[in-house]
Amino acid sequence: MTRLLCSGLALWLWAALGWAQSREVVLEAGALRLPAVVYEPAGTGPFAAVVMLHGCSGMRTRTGEIGAIYRVWAERLAQAGYLGVVLDSFSGRGIEEICTQQQRTLSAARDRARDAYVALDWLLTQEQVDGKRVFLLGWSNGGVAVLGAMDAKSAVGAGRERGFRAALAMYPGCRGFGQGQGYRPRAPLLIQIGAVDDWTPAERCRELLAGVPVGSPPVEVVVYPGAQHAFDRPGSRTVFRAEVWNAGRGSRGATIGGHPEAREAALERGLAFFAQF
């Protein structure tokens, strides 16, 4: 009886609070197979959905768990009624990580941007998904993929009848995107980044913002004081990763660390951003 009562309470809490159930799927793009974890909110939908792109360390930790940052966001999104798809761009290609690589054979702005559209196309076939409200979210290298996927000058995603409704890039490397005629996104874009990020400096994203042509979909850059790279990771521990390649410096080494206040503010702002559309 006690076990049944506990199970019933757990189901009631899941339904009442919108906690996520997760399941694993594999998305196919020709010969490429892209594993993904789907976080589903309570209810029957149709749900708005978010495609989520991991950073250079990959989707999973060394112990095989989904990275804590992605899990936190997926669960918070599910509580707000969004279906989340955390997409693994690495394991299907035989890649463990690319943080330490100076010359990367996998392009975030092209290859991983295409991955995002593979996930979008899959979501558009799902009955429980509102195809008019599919969003894109990525962190660091995945944030670069967001910028690539949303770049109106890029061939990736061009000519589609339906694209992403809006996109959020968390501390992306903005370098290079504002050159030439400036960066014009296909849909509204929010960038959130730390003021003391020494891996993907906020100044490069300010430069991108300054070059956005008049008449473009809106772009907003929010900079969090005192926050470093990966500031939305749980906890407040700061780590200097001496082994990673830092393209901004042209050398190795970068600092990452959680910032609880900035993390909560970024989560709230991100949810409010998606809710506008």
Protein backbone atom coordinates (compact mmCIF):
# COMPACT_ATOMS: atom_id res chain seq x y z
CA MET A 1 0.00 0.00 0.00
CA THR A 2 2.78 2.42 0.93
CA ARG A 3 4.56 1.75 -2.39
CA LEU A 4 1.34 2.38 -4.34
CA LEU A 5 0.69 5.60 -2.45
CA CYS A 6 4.22 6.82 -3.12
CA SER A 7 3.92 5.96 -6.79
CA GLY A 8 0.62 7.77 -7.00
CA LEU A 9 2.10 10.81 -5.28
CA ALA A 10 5.05 10.81 -7.67
CA LEU A 11 2.71 10.71 -10.67
CA TRP A 12 0.59 13.50 -9.20
CA LEU A 13 3.66 15.65 -8.63
CA TRP A 14 4.91 14.96 -12.14
CA ALA A 15 1.57 16.04 -13.62
CA ALA A 16 1.10 19.01 -11.31
CA LEU A 17 4.59 20.46 -11.62
CA GLY A 18 5.28 19.53 -15.22
CA TRP A 19 8.37 17.48 -14.50
CA ALA A 20 9.91 15.91 -17.55
CA GLN A 21 10.02 12.34 -18.67
CA SER A 22 12.99 11.60 -20.89
CA ARG A 23 13.51 9.05 -23.65
CA GLU A 24 16.27 8.36 -26.14
CA VAL A 25 15.82 8.47 -29.91
CA VAL A 26 18.10 8.35 -32.94
CA LEU A 27 17.62 10.84 -35.76
CA GLU A 28 18.82 9.94 -39.24
CA ALA A 29 20.29 12.20 -41.93
CA GLY A 30 21.40 9.94 -44.76
CA ALA A 31 24.10 7.69 -43.35
CA LEU A 32 24.55 9.89 -40.29
CA ARG A 33 22.82 8.81 -37.09
CA LEU A 34 22.36 11.45 -34.41
CA PRO A 35 21.39 10.23 -30.92
CA ALA A 36 19.17 12.54 -28.90
CA VAL A 37 17.41 12.67 -25.55
CA VAL A 38 13.84 13.95 -25.60
CA TYR A 39 12.44 15.63 -22.48
CA GLU A 40 8.63 15.61 -22.51
CA PRO A 41 6.43 17.82 -20.33
CA ALA A 42 3.29 16.63 -18.64
CA GLY A 43 0.14 16.63 -20.74
CA THR A 44 -0.72 15.77 -24.31
CA GLY A 45 0.27 18.89 -26.23
CA PRO A 46 0.71 20.16 -28.77
CA PHE A 47 3.85 21.57 -27.17
CA ALA A 48 6.29 24.21 -28.27
CA ALA A 49 9.69 22.55 -28.67
CA VAL A 50 13.35 23.45 -28.25
CA VAL A 51 16.30 21.87 -30.09
CA MET A 52 19.30 21.96 -27.73
CA LEU A 53 22.93 21.85 -28.94
CA HIS A 54 25.72 20.89 -26.52
CA GLY A 55 29.16 22.45 -26.20
CA CYS A 56 32.59 21.18 -27.23
CA SER A 57 32.74 18.55 -24.47
CA GLY A 58 29.78 16.65 -25.91
CA MET A 59 26.29 15.84 -24.71
CA ARG A 60 27.30 13.33 -22.04
CA THR A 61 29.76 13.34 -19.17
CA ARG A 62 32.49 10.73 -18.80
CA THR A 63 30.09 8.64 -16.71
CA GLY A 64 27.51 8.64 -19.50
CA GLU A 65 25.06 11.10 -17.96
CA ILE A 66 23.55 14.05 -19.78
CA GLY A 67 25.60 17.16 -19.01
CA ALA A 68 24.23 19.00 -15.98
CA ILE A 69 23.74 22.29 -17.82
CA TYR A 70 21.60 20.67 -20.50
CA ARG A 71 19.61 18.67 -17.97
CA VAL A 72 18.86 21.79 -15.89
CA TRP A 73 17.62 23.70 -18.92
CA ALA A 74 15.63 20.73 -20.31
CA GLU A 75 13.86 20.17 -17.01
CA ARG A 76 13.10 23.87 -16.53
CA LEU A 77 11.77 24.08 -20.08
CA ALA A 78 9.62 20.98 -19.52
CA GLN A 79 8.15 22.52 -16.38
CA ALA A 80 7.16 25.49 -18.54
CA GLY A 81 5.51 23.20 -21.10
CA TYR A 82 8.26 22.88 -23.73
CA LEU A 83 9.39 19.61 -25.26
CA GLY A 84 13.20 19.59 -25.38
CA VAL A 85 15.50 17.62 -27.69
CA VAL A 86 19.13 17.46 -26.55
CA LEU A 87 20.96 16.51 -29.75
CA ASP A 88 24.29 14.65 -29.79
CA SER A 89 26.42 15.85 -32.72
CA PHE A 90 29.51 13.88 -31.69
CA SER A 91 29.00 10.18 -30.94
CA GLY A 92 27.44 9.37 -34.32
CA ARG A 93 30.57 10.79 -35.92
CA GLY A 94 32.96 8.95 -33.60
CA ILE A 95 33.95 12.15 -31.77
CA GLU A 96 34.46 12.32 -28.00
CA GLU A 97 35.23 16.01 -27.63
CA ILE A 98 36.66 18.90 -29.62
CA CYS A 99 37.58 21.33 -26.83
CA THR A 100 41.27 20.43 -27.04
CA GLN A 101 41.49 20.57 -30.85
CA GLN A 102 43.18 23.57 -32.42
CA GLN A 103 42.05 22.55 -35.92
CA ARG A 104 38.49 21.24 -35.78
CA THR A 105 37.26 19.05 -38.60
CA LEU A 106 33.63 19.44 -37.49
CA SER A 107 32.29 22.92 -38.28
CA ALA A 108 29.81 24.28 -35.77
CA ALA A 109 28.52 26.96 -38.15
CA ARG A 110 27.92 24.47 -40.97
CA ASP A 111 27.87 20.80 -39.86
CA ARG A 112 26.24 21.29 -36.49
CA ALA A 113 23.88 23.91 -37.89
CA ARG A 114 22.68 21.24 -40.34
CA ASP A 115 22.20 18.89 -37.39
CA ALA A 116 19.83 21.45 -35.87
CA TYR A 117 17.64 21.32 -38.97
CA VAL A 118 17.66 17.51 -38.89
CA ALA A 119 16.16 17.78 -35.39
CA LEU A 120 13.69 20.42 -36.56
CA ASP A 121 12.50 18.19 -39.41
CA TRP A 122 12.01 15.31 -36.97
CA LEU A 123 10.02 17.49 -34.60
CA LEU A 124 7.75 18.60 -37.42
CA THR A 125 6.67 14.96 -37.82
CA GLN A 126 5.70 14.60 -34.15
CA GLU A 127 1.98 14.97 -33.40
CA GLN A 128 2.57 16.36 -29.92
CA VAL A 129 4.69 19.26 -31.27
CA ASP A 130 3.41 22.67 -32.35
CA GLY A 131 5.40 23.04 -35.57
CA LYS A 132 4.95 26.82 -35.58
CA ARG A 133 6.78 27.16 -32.27
CA VAL A 134 10.08 25.29 -32.49
CA PHE A 135 13.05 27.13 -30.98
CA LEU A 136 16.81 26.65 -31.02
CA LEU A 137 19.17 26.78 -28.03
CA GLY A 138 22.91 26.10 -27.88
CA TRP A 139 25.87 26.52 -25.57
CA SER A 140 29.42 27.63 -26.49
CA ASN A 141 30.31 25.56 -29.60
CA GLY A 142 26.61 24.75 -29.81
CA GLY A 143 25.98 28.48 -29.58
CA VAL A 144 28.17 28.95 -32.65
CA ALA A 145 25.97 26.36 -34.36
CA VAL A 146 22.96 28.47 -33.40
CA LEU A 147 24.50 31.53 -35.02
CA GLY A 148 25.29 29.48 -38.13
CA ALA A 149 21.80 28.00 -38.33
CA MET A 150 20.17 31.41 -37.96
CA ASP A 151 22.51 33.29 -40.34
CA ALA A 152 20.40 34.58 -43.23
CA LYS A 153 23.50 34.67 -45.47
CA SER A 154 24.24 30.97 -44.91
CA ALA A 155 23.10 28.24 -47.27
CA VAL A 156 22.36 26.08 -44.23
CA GLY A 157 18.62 26.20 -43.71
CA ALA A 158 18.00 28.43 -46.73
CA GLY A 159 14.81 28.07 -48.76
CA ARG A 160 12.89 26.22 -46.08
CA GLU A 161 9.15 26.62 -45.72
CA ARG A 162 9.40 26.42 -41.93
CA GLY A 163 12.36 27.28 -39.72
CA PHE A 164 13.06 28.06 -36.07
CA ARG A 165 10.70 30.61 -34.50
CA ALA A 166 13.52 32.20 -32.46
CA ALA A 167 16.90 31.20 -31.06
CA LEU A 168 18.99 31.57 -27.91
CA ALA A 169 22.79 31.29 -27.94
CA MET A 170 24.55 30.88 -24.60
CA TYR A 171 28.11 32.28 -24.59
CA PRO A 172 28.83 31.54 -28.26
CA GLY A 173 32.02 32.44 -30.07
CA CYS A 174 30.73 35.46 -31.99
CA ARG A 175 34.02 36.19 -33.72
CA GLY A 176 33.68 36.44 -37.50
CA PHE A 177 29.89 36.54 -37.70
CA GLY A 178 29.69 40.34 -37.78
CA GLN A 179 32.13 40.82 -40.66
CA GLY A 180 31.22 42.02 -44.15
CA GLN A 181 27.65 43.26 -44.38
CA GLY A 182 26.91 42.39 -40.79
CA TYR A 183 25.01 39.55 -39.18
CA ARG A 184 21.33 39.24 -40.10
CA PRO A 185 19.43 36.45 -38.33
CA ARG A 186 16.51 34.59 -39.87
CA ALA A 187 14.42 35.09 -36.72
CA PRO A 188 14.71 36.84 -33.34
CA LEU A 189 17.94 36.01 -31.52
CA LEU A 190 19.03 36.34 -27.89
CA ILE A 191 22.68 35.97 -26.84
CA GLN A 192 23.56 35.56 -23.14
CA ILE A 193 27.19 35.71 -22.09
CA GLY A 194 29.41 36.44 -19.10
CA ALA A 195 31.25 39.74 -18.71
CA VAL A 196 34.50 38.04 -17.67
CA ASP A 197 34.31 35.12 -20.12
CA ASP A 198 37.92 34.52 -21.23
CA TRP A 199 37.06 31.78 -23.75
CA THR A 200 34.33 33.43 -25.84
CA PRO A 201 34.62 37.14 -24.97
CA ALA A 202 31.47 39.21 -24.70
CA GLU A 203 33.09 42.00 -26.73
CA ARG A 204 32.91 39.89 -29.90
CA CYS A 205 29.14 39.54 -29.42
CA ARG A 206 28.80 43.27 -28.87
CA GLU A 207 30.58 43.74 -32.21
CA LEU A 208 28.14 41.33 -33.84
CA LEU A 209 25.22 43.31 -32.40
CA ALA A 210 26.64 46.61 -33.63
CA GLY A 211 26.79 45.28 -37.19
CA VAL A 212 23.23 43.94 -37.43
CA PRO A 213 21.61 45.68 -40.42
CA VAL A 214 18.59 47.92 -39.92
CA GLY A 215 15.36 46.05 -40.52
CA SER A 216 16.70 42.68 -39.36
CA PRO A 217 14.82 40.49 -36.89
CA PRO A 218 15.70 41.69 -33.38
CA VAL A 219 19.01 40.69 -31.79
CA GLU A 220 19.70 41.19 -28.08
CA VAL A 221 22.97 40.61 -26.24
CA VAL A 222 22.73 40.29 -22.44
CA VAL A 223 26.02 40.40 -20.53
CA TYR A 224 26.08 39.16 -16.91
CA PRO A 225 28.55 40.96 -14.62
CA GLY A 226 31.10 38.72 -12.91
CA ALA A 227 30.04 35.66 -14.92
CA GLN A 228 32.53 33.38 -16.67
CA HIS A 229 32.18 30.80 -19.42
CA ALA A 230 29.58 28.12 -18.61
CA PHE A 231 28.14 30.35 -15.89
CA ASP A 232 24.84 28.43 -15.99
CA ARG A 233 26.43 25.21 -14.76
CA PRO A 234 25.18 24.07 -11.31
CA GLY A 235 27.16 25.28 -8.31
CA SER A 236 29.73 28.05 -8.11
CA ARG A 237 33.01 26.17 -8.53
CA THR A 238 35.56 27.80 -10.87
CA VAL A 239 37.99 25.68 -12.89
CA PHE A 240 40.85 26.68 -15.19
CA ARG A 241 40.99 24.20 -18.07
CA ALA A 242 44.60 24.33 -19.20
CA GLU A 243 44.15 21.73 -21.96
CA VAL A 244 41.48 23.44 -24.08
CA TRP A 245 42.25 25.48 -27.18
CA ASN A 246 41.32 29.14 -26.80
CA ALA A 247 40.98 30.62 -30.29
CA GLY A 248 40.57 34.15 -28.94
CA ARG A 249 43.95 33.99 -27.25
CA GLY A 250 45.63 31.83 -29.86
CA SER A 251 46.81 29.59 -27.03
CA ARG A 252 45.54 27.03 -24.55
CA GLY A 253 43.60 27.62 -21.38
CA ALA A 254 40.19 28.98 -20.37
CA THR A 255 38.20 29.51 -17.19
CA ILE A 256 34.76 28.04 -16.56
CA GLY A 257 32.60 28.44 -13.50
CA GLY A 258 29.03 28.48 -12.27
CA HIS A 259 27.45 31.74 -11.18
CA PRO A 260 24.17 30.99 -9.36
CA GLU A 261 22.66 34.47 -9.72
CA ALA A 262 23.52 34.77 -13.41
CA ARG A 263 22.35 31.20 -14.03
CA GLU A 264 18.90 31.86 -12.56
CA ALA A 265 18.62 35.19 -14.35
CA ALA A 266 19.58 33.57 -17.66
CA LEU A 267 17.05 30.77 -17.22
CA GLU A 268 14.27 33.23 -16.45
CA ARG A 269 15.23 35.53 -19.32
CA GLY A 270 15.48 32.61 -21.73
CA LEU A 271 12.02 31.33 -20.83
CA ALA A 272 10.56 34.84 -21.10
CA PHE A 273 12.22 35.23 -24.50
CA PHE A 274 10.69 32.04 -25.91
CA ALA A 275 7.30 32.90 -24.41
CA GLN A 276 7.10 36.04 -26.59
CA PHE A 277 6.75 34.02 -29.79
